[in-house]
């Protein structure tokens, strides 16, 4: 029985460690950067397509991160095969990330259609609440505790942006400033964690061949 419990604990630690290479942070930060960049594209592409254009970029980035994990991270810390329960949690996380993108597109289209009838504060509050809820859900499902902090930052970004737009004249409801800072902090956190992993987990040396 104790051996069974220890195996479950080992799998739980390994599952949590799978998000400790910083690459998930980089991916999340890049997705968040869409809200800082898209407003500048909306003039030419429209509110919907200025967000939709990023979807193939995120798909390519996801593939790149998987390759980095396979060829850079795995040789240093090994690979773990998870059980059905852990795989289900990973699937839920992927669904959460998909929902984030879909909601962002729908919200952008809604604001574009109802822009004059919905106040900026209401939109910012709704957007912040959605971000906080989804980030907290992802943190709970994955044991990825930094997502709670990222959720708070994401929830504050549209509200602070609305204040900057109302009181300081910031363009695009302050999104380029607030979401730019938020995405930068998340990406920088991920890169620091990733570089620390590379420094503390060098590639194992190959055994020398005997003459």
C-alpha atoms as a PDB file:
ATOM      1  CA  UNK A   1       0.000   0.000   0.000  1.00  0.00           C
ATOM      2  CA  UNK A   2       2.785   2.420   0.911  1.00  0.00           C
ATOM      3  CA  UNK A   3       4.543   1.625  -2.348  1.00  0.00           C
ATOM      4  CA  UNK A   4       1.353   2.405  -4.242  1.00  0.00           C
ATOM      5  CA  UNK A   5       0.980   5.735  -2.449  1.00  0.00           C
ATOM      6  CA  UNK A   6       4.612   6.634  -3.105  1.00  0.00           C
ATOM      7  CA  UNK A   7       4.156   5.895  -6.805  1.00  0.00           C
ATOM      8  CA  UNK A   8       1.150   8.210  -6.895  1.00  0.00           C
ATOM      9  CA  UNK A   9       3.117  10.906  -5.107  1.00  0.00           C
ATOM     10  CA  UNK A  10       6.043  10.456  -7.506  1.00  0.00           C
ATOM     11  CA  UNK A  11       3.706  10.768 -10.485  1.00  0.00           C
ATOM     12  CA  UNK A  12       2.099  13.876  -8.964  1.00  0.00           C
ATOM     13  CA  UNK A  13       5.519  15.476  -8.476  1.00  0.00           C
ATOM     14  CA  UNK A  14       6.554  14.532 -11.994  1.00  0.00           C
ATOM     15  CA  UNK A  15       3.291  15.939 -13.353  1.00  0.00           C
ATOM     16  CA  UNK A  16       3.865  19.244 -11.565  1.00  0.00           C
ATOM     17  CA  UNK A  17       7.527  19.282 -12.647  1.00  0.00           C
ATOM     18  CA  UNK A  18       6.408  19.008 -16.269  1.00  0.00           C
ATOM     19  CA  UNK A  19       5.365  22.677 -16.015  1.00  0.00           C
ATOM     20  CA  UNK A  20       8.530  23.778 -14.261  1.00  0.00           C
ATOM     21  CA  UNK A  21      10.663  24.176 -17.375  1.00  0.00           C
ATOM     22  CA  UNK A  22       9.238  27.650 -17.982  1.00  0.00           C
ATOM     23  CA  UNK A  23       8.077  26.851 -21.515  1.00  0.00           C
ATOM     24  CA  UNK A  24       4.398  26.866 -20.555  1.00  0.00           C
ATOM     25  CA  UNK A  25       4.932  30.349 -19.132  1.00  0.00           C
ATOM     26  CA  UNK A  26       6.507  31.484 -22.396  1.00  0.00           C
ATOM     27  CA  UNK A  27       3.590  30.093 -24.377  1.00  0.00           C
ATOM     28  CA  UNK A  28       0.998  31.743 -22.116  1.00  0.00           C
ATOM     29  CA  UNK A  29       2.879  35.041 -22.242  1.00  0.00           C
ATOM     30  CA  UNK A  30       2.989  34.955 -26.033  1.00  0.00           C
ATOM     31  CA  UNK A  31      -0.760  34.290 -26.180  1.00  0.00           C
ATOM     32  CA  UNK A  32      -1.368  37.225 -23.824  1.00  0.00           C
ATOM     33  CA  UNK A  33       0.760  39.454 -26.061  1.00  0.00           C
ATOM     34  CA  UNK A  34      -2.000  39.163 -28.652  1.00  0.00           C
ATOM     35  CA  UNK A  35      -4.066  41.626 -26.596  1.00  0.00           C
ATOM     36  CA  UNK A  36      -1.201  44.115 -26.750  1.00  0.00           C
ATOM     37  CA  UNK A  37      -0.521  43.738 -30.482  1.00  0.00           C
ATOM     38  CA  UNK A  38      -3.986  43.087 -31.939  1.00  0.00           C
ATOM     39  CA  UNK A  39      -5.349  46.605 -31.234  1.00  0.00           C
ATOM     40  CA  UNK A  40      -2.711  48.030 -33.571  1.00  0.00           C
ATOM     41  CA  UNK A  41      -3.842  45.627 -36.319  1.00  0.00           C
ATOM     42  CA  UNK A  42      -7.564  46.239 -35.903  1.00  0.00           C
ATOM     43  CA  UNK A  43      -7.513  49.338 -38.103  1.00  0.00           C
ATOM     44  CA  UNK A  44      -6.477  47.314 -41.148  1.00  0.00           C
ATOM     45  CA  UNK A  45      -7.821  43.843 -40.345  1.00  0.00           C
ATOM     46  CA  UNK A  46     -10.860  44.558 -38.179  1.00  0.00           C
ATOM     47  CA  UNK A  47     -11.414  43.443 -34.596  1.00  0.00           C
ATOM     48  CA  UNK A  48     -12.110  39.794 -35.424  1.00  0.00           C
ATOM     49  CA  UNK A  49      -9.294  39.106 -37.884  1.00  0.00           C
ATOM     50  CA  UNK A  50      -6.756  41.073 -35.878  1.00  0.00           C
ATOM     51  CA  UNK A  51      -7.161  38.317 -33.240  1.00  0.00           C
ATOM     52  CA  UNK A  52      -7.796  35.351 -35.553  1.00  0.00           C
ATOM     53  CA  UNK A  53      -4.555  35.987 -37.437  1.00  0.00           C
ATOM     54  CA  UNK A  54      -2.619  34.877 -34.357  1.00  0.00           C
ATOM     55  CA  UNK A  55      -4.070  31.346 -34.212  1.00  0.00           C
ATOM     56  CA  UNK A  56      -1.600  29.799 -36.712  1.00  0.00           C
ATOM     57  CA  UNK A  57       1.206  31.597 -34.881  1.00  0.00           C
ATOM     58  CA  UNK A  58       0.212  29.944 -31.597  1.00  0.00           C
ATOM     59  CA  UNK A  59      -0.047  26.573 -33.351  1.00  0.00           C
ATOM     60  CA  UNK A  60       3.492  26.966 -34.700  1.00  0.00           C
ATOM     61  CA  UNK A  61       4.754  28.111 -31.294  1.00  0.00           C
ATOM     62  CA  UNK A  62       3.124  25.073 -29.651  1.00  0.00           C
ATOM     63  CA  UNK A  63       4.963  22.760 -32.059  1.00  0.00           C
ATOM     64  CA  UNK A  64       8.264  24.553 -31.400  1.00  0.00           C
ATOM     65  CA  UNK A  65       7.829  24.222 -27.632  1.00  0.00           C
ATOM     66  CA  UNK A  66       7.092  20.502 -27.979  1.00  0.00           C
ATOM     67  CA  UNK A  67      10.292  20.088 -30.001  1.00  0.00           C
ATOM     68  CA  UNK A  68      12.320  22.025 -27.417  1.00  0.00           C
ATOM     69  CA  UNK A  69      10.893  19.844 -24.645  1.00  0.00           C
ATOM     70  CA  UNK A  70      11.746  16.714 -26.599  1.00  0.00           C
ATOM     71  CA  UNK A  71      15.267  17.617 -27.724  1.00  0.00           C
ATOM     72  CA  UNK A  72      16.458  20.035 -25.015  1.00  0.00           C
ATOM     73  CA  UNK A  73      14.513  19.420 -21.786  1.00  0.00           C
ATOM     74  CA  UNK A  74      13.910  15.652 -21.904  1.00  0.00           C
ATOM     75  CA  UNK A  75      17.613  14.697 -22.305  1.00  0.00           C
ATOM     76  CA  UNK A  76      18.334  16.673 -19.125  1.00  0.00           C
ATOM     77  CA  UNK A  77      15.493  15.675 -16.794  1.00  0.00           C
ATOM     78  CA  UNK A  78      14.080  12.599 -18.524  1.00  0.00           C
ATOM     79  CA  UNK A  79      10.585  11.841 -19.750  1.00  0.00           C
ATOM     80  CA  UNK A  80       7.596  10.641 -17.766  1.00  0.00           C
ATOM     81  CA  UNK A  81       4.664   8.570 -19.008  1.00  0.00           C
ATOM     82  CA  UNK A  82       1.551   9.596 -17.102  1.00  0.00           C
ATOM     83  CA  UNK A  83      -1.449   7.484 -16.211  1.00  0.00           C
ATOM     84  CA  UNK A  84      -4.968   7.973 -17.519  1.00  0.00           C
ATOM     85  CA  UNK A  85      -5.932  10.463 -14.781  1.00  0.00           C
ATOM     86  CA  UNK A  86      -2.969  12.737 -15.490  1.00  0.00           C
ATOM     87  CA  UNK A  87      -3.525  12.536 -19.232  1.00  0.00           C
ATOM     88  CA  UNK A  88      -7.127  13.572 -18.642  1.00  0.00           C
ATOM     89  CA  UNK A  89      -5.933  16.629 -16.707  1.00  0.00           C
ATOM     90  CA  UNK A  90      -3.598  17.562 -19.545  1.00  0.00           C
ATOM     91  CA  UNK A  91      -6.481  17.233 -21.974  1.00  0.00           C
ATOM     92  CA  UNK A  92      -8.599  19.515 -19.778  1.00  0.00           C
ATOM     93  CA  UNK A  93      -5.778  22.051 -19.754  1.00  0.00           C
ATOM     94  CA  UNK A  94      -5.568  22.000 -23.547  1.00  0.00           C
ATOM     95  CA  UNK A  95      -9.328  22.541 -23.663  1.00  0.00           C
ATOM     96  CA  UNK A  96      -8.979  25.487 -21.274  1.00  0.00           C
ATOM     97  CA  UNK A  97      -6.358  27.072 -23.533  1.00  0.00           C
ATOM     98  CA  UNK A  98      -8.614  26.542 -26.550  1.00  0.00           C
ATOM     99  CA  UNK A  99     -11.520  28.136 -24.685  1.00  0.00           C
ATOM    100  CA  UNK A 100      -9.316  31.153 -23.837  1.00  0.00           C
ATOM    101  CA  UNK A 101      -8.655  31.773 -27.509  1.00  0.00           C
ATOM    102  CA  UNK A 102     -12.272  31.223 -28.558  1.00  0.00           C
ATOM    103  CA  UNK A 103     -13.600  33.549 -25.844  1.00  0.00           C
ATOM    104  CA  UNK A 104     -11.065  36.181 -26.851  1.00  0.00           C
ATOM    105  CA  UNK A 105     -12.319  36.003 -30.434  1.00  0.00           C
ATOM    106  CA  UNK A 106     -15.987  36.080 -29.426  1.00  0.00           C
ATOM    107  CA  UNK A 107     -15.437  38.958 -26.994  1.00  0.00           C
ATOM    108  CA  UNK A 108     -13.574  40.915 -29.651  1.00  0.00           C
ATOM    109  CA  UNK A 109     -16.413  40.397 -32.129  1.00  0.00           C
ATOM    110  CA  UNK A 110     -19.021  41.306 -29.488  1.00  0.00           C
ATOM    111  CA  UNK A 111     -17.256  44.531 -28.567  1.00  0.00           C
ATOM    112  CA  UNK A 112     -16.940  45.411 -32.246  1.00  0.00           C
ATOM    113  CA  UNK A 113     -20.705  44.984 -32.798  1.00  0.00           C
ATOM    114  CA  UNK A 114     -21.925  46.464 -29.502  1.00  0.00           C
ATOM    115  CA  UNK A 115     -19.136  48.984 -28.996  1.00  0.00           C
ATOM    116  CA  UNK A 116     -21.392  52.011 -28.558  1.00  0.00           C
ATOM    117  CA  UNK A 117     -23.948  50.303 -26.309  1.00  0.00           C
ATOM    118  CA  UNK A 118     -21.526  48.657 -23.845  1.00  0.00           C
ATOM    119  CA  UNK A 119     -19.345  50.777 -21.570  1.00  0.00           C
ATOM    120  CA  UNK A 120     -15.613  50.196 -21.536  1.00  0.00           C
ATOM    121  CA  UNK A 121     -15.662  49.486 -17.796  1.00  0.00           C
ATOM    122  CA  UNK A 122     -18.261  46.729 -18.197  1.00  0.00           C
ATOM    123  CA  UNK A 123     -16.282  45.119 -21.010  1.00  0.00           C
ATOM    124  CA  UNK A 124     -13.028  45.384 -19.053  1.00  0.00           C
ATOM    125  CA  UNK A 125     -14.633  43.882 -15.927  1.00  0.00           C
ATOM    126  CA  UNK A 126     -16.159  40.997 -17.889  1.00  0.00           C
ATOM    127  CA  UNK A 127     -12.905  40.331 -19.708  1.00  0.00           C
ATOM    128  CA  UNK A 128     -10.906  40.408 -16.469  1.00  0.00           C
ATOM    129  CA  UNK A 129     -13.342  38.037 -14.751  1.00  0.00           C
ATOM    130  CA  UNK A 130     -13.127  35.551 -17.626  1.00  0.00           C
ATOM    131  CA  UNK A 131      -9.323  35.638 -17.569  1.00  0.00           C
ATOM    132  CA  UNK A 132      -9.206  35.161 -13.793  1.00  0.00           C
ATOM    133  CA  UNK A 133     -11.682  32.275 -13.899  1.00  0.00           C
ATOM    134  CA  UNK A 134      -9.911  30.414 -16.695  1.00  0.00           C
ATOM    135  CA  UNK A 135      -6.454  30.924 -15.189  1.00  0.00           C
ATOM    136  CA  UNK A 136      -7.644  29.734 -11.779  1.00  0.00           C
ATOM    137  CA  UNK A 137      -9.278  26.696 -13.374  1.00  0.00           C
ATOM    138  CA  UNK A 138      -6.050  25.853 -15.190  1.00  0.00           C
ATOM    139  CA  UNK A 139      -4.026  26.326 -11.991  1.00  0.00           C
ATOM    140  CA  UNK A 140      -6.358  24.006 -10.086  1.00  0.00           C
ATOM    141  CA  UNK A 141      -6.461  21.282 -12.742  1.00  0.00           C
ATOM    142  CA  UNK A 142      -2.709  21.224 -13.257  1.00  0.00           C
ATOM    143  CA  UNK A 143      -1.275  22.223  -9.892  1.00  0.00           C
ATOM    144  CA  UNK A 144       0.395  25.041 -11.836  1.00  0.00           C
ATOM    145  CA  UNK A 145       0.383  27.589  -9.012  1.00  0.00           C
ATOM    146  CA  UNK A 146       1.879  30.481 -10.974  1.00  0.00           C
ATOM    147  CA  UNK A 147      -1.313  30.574 -13.021  1.00  0.00           C
ATOM    148  CA  UNK A 148      -3.137  32.032 -10.004  1.00  0.00           C
ATOM    149  CA  UNK A 149      -0.772  35.015 -10.073  1.00  0.00           C
ATOM    150  CA  UNK A 150      -0.994  35.298 -13.839  1.00  0.00           C
ATOM    151  CA  UNK A 151      -4.782  35.236 -13.539  1.00  0.00           C
ATOM    152  CA  UNK A 152      -4.719  38.193 -11.158  1.00  0.00           C
ATOM    153  CA  UNK A 153      -2.433  40.091 -13.526  1.00  0.00           C
ATOM    154  CA  UNK A 154      -4.704  39.326 -16.474  1.00  0.00           C
ATOM    155  CA  UNK A 155      -7.787  40.376 -14.518  1.00  0.00           C
ATOM    156  CA  UNK A 156      -6.166  43.695 -13.593  1.00  0.00           C
ATOM    157  CA  UNK A 157      -4.838  44.454 -17.094  1.00  0.00           C
ATOM    158  CA  UNK A 158      -8.103  45.506 -18.795  1.00  0.00           C
ATOM    159  CA  UNK A 159      -9.257  47.467 -15.724  1.00  0.00           C
ATOM    160  CA  UNK A 160      -5.975  49.367 -15.429  1.00  0.00           C
ATOM    161  CA  UNK A 161      -5.987  49.851 -19.193  1.00  0.00           C
ATOM    162  CA  UNK A 162      -9.475  51.349 -19.053  1.00  0.00           C
ATOM    163  CA  UNK A 163      -8.307  53.749 -16.338  1.00  0.00           C
ATOM    164  CA  UNK A 164      -5.273  54.755 -18.423  1.00  0.00           C
ATOM    165  CA  UNK A 165      -7.517  55.355 -21.431  1.00  0.00           C
ATOM    166  CA  UNK A 166     -10.060  57.398 -19.446  1.00  0.00           C
ATOM    167  CA  UNK A 167      -7.683  59.481 -17.335  1.00  0.00           C
ATOM    168  CA  UNK A 168      -4.373  59.496 -19.230  1.00  0.00           C
ATOM    169  CA  UNK A 169      -5.498  59.290 -22.831  1.00  0.00           C
ATOM    170  CA  UNK A 170      -3.788  55.958 -23.530  1.00  0.00           C
ATOM    171  CA  UNK A 171      -4.658  54.526 -26.940  1.00  0.00           C
ATOM    172  CA  UNK A 172      -6.738  51.376 -27.513  1.00  0.00           C
ATOM    173  CA  UNK A 173      -8.152  51.413 -23.970  1.00  0.00           C
ATOM    174  CA  UNK A 174      -4.634  50.974 -22.598  1.00  0.00           C
ATOM    175  CA  UNK A 175      -4.394  47.346 -23.795  1.00  0.00           C
ATOM    176  CA  UNK A 176      -1.006  47.723 -25.515  1.00  0.00           C
ATOM    177  CA  UNK A 177       0.474  49.037 -22.254  1.00  0.00           C
ATOM    178  CA  UNK A 178      -1.120  46.792 -19.656  1.00  0.00           C
ATOM    179  CA  UNK A 179      -1.157  43.551 -21.613  1.00  0.00           C
ATOM    180  CA  UNK A 180       2.288  44.328 -22.992  1.00  0.00           C
ATOM    181  CA  UNK A 181       3.648  44.560 -19.451  1.00  0.00           C
ATOM    182  CA  UNK A 182       1.736  41.471 -18.307  1.00  0.00           C
ATOM    183  CA  UNK A 183       2.889  39.342 -21.242  1.00  0.00           C
ATOM    184  CA  UNK A 184       6.454  40.597 -20.800  1.00  0.00           C
ATOM    185  CA  UNK A 185       6.493  39.606 -17.117  1.00  0.00           C
ATOM    186  CA  UNK A 186       5.103  36.131 -17.902  1.00  0.00           C
ATOM    187  CA  UNK A 187       7.523  35.510 -20.779  1.00  0.00           C
ATOM    188  CA  UNK A 188      10.491  36.785 -18.762  1.00  0.00           C
ATOM    189  CA  UNK A 189       9.521  34.516 -15.851  1.00  0.00           C
ATOM    190  CA  UNK A 190       9.394  31.539 -18.181  1.00  0.00           C
ATOM    191  CA  UNK A 191      12.749  32.335 -19.770  1.00  0.00           C
ATOM    192  CA  UNK A 192      14.421  32.743 -16.356  1.00  0.00           C
ATOM    193  CA  UNK A 193      13.034  29.364 -15.235  1.00  0.00           C
ATOM    194  CA  UNK A 194      14.094  27.715 -18.503  1.00  0.00           C
ATOM    195  CA  UNK A 195      17.635  29.119 -18.374  1.00  0.00           C
ATOM    196  CA  UNK A 196      17.939  28.090 -14.724  1.00  0.00           C
ATOM    197  CA  UNK A 197      16.925  24.554 -15.687  1.00  0.00           C
ATOM    198  CA  UNK A 198      19.592  24.459 -18.404  1.00  0.00           C
ATOM    199  CA  UNK A 199      22.208  25.684 -15.936  1.00  0.00           C
ATOM    200  CA  UNK A 200      21.337  23.274 -13.125  1.00  0.00           C
ATOM    201  CA  UNK A 201      20.547  20.263 -15.322  1.00  0.00           C
ATOM    202  CA  UNK A 202      23.370  19.847 -17.838  1.00  0.00           C
ATOM    203  CA  UNK A 203      23.338  17.072 -20.382  1.00  0.00           C
ATOM    204  CA  UNK A 204      24.591  13.788 -18.907  1.00  0.00           C
ATOM    205  CA  UNK A 205      28.086  12.967 -20.067  1.00  0.00           C
ATOM    206  CA  UNK A 206      28.430   9.952 -22.310  1.00  0.00           C
ATOM    207  CA  UNK A 207      30.552   7.090 -20.950  1.00  0.00           C
ATOM    208  CA  UNK A 208      33.958   7.049 -22.527  1.00  0.00           C
ATOM    209  CA  UNK A 209      34.753   4.095 -24.732  1.00  0.00           C
ATOM    210  CA  UNK A 210      37.531   1.847 -23.606  1.00  0.00           C
ATOM    211  CA  UNK A 211      40.427   1.507 -25.974  1.00  0.00           C
END
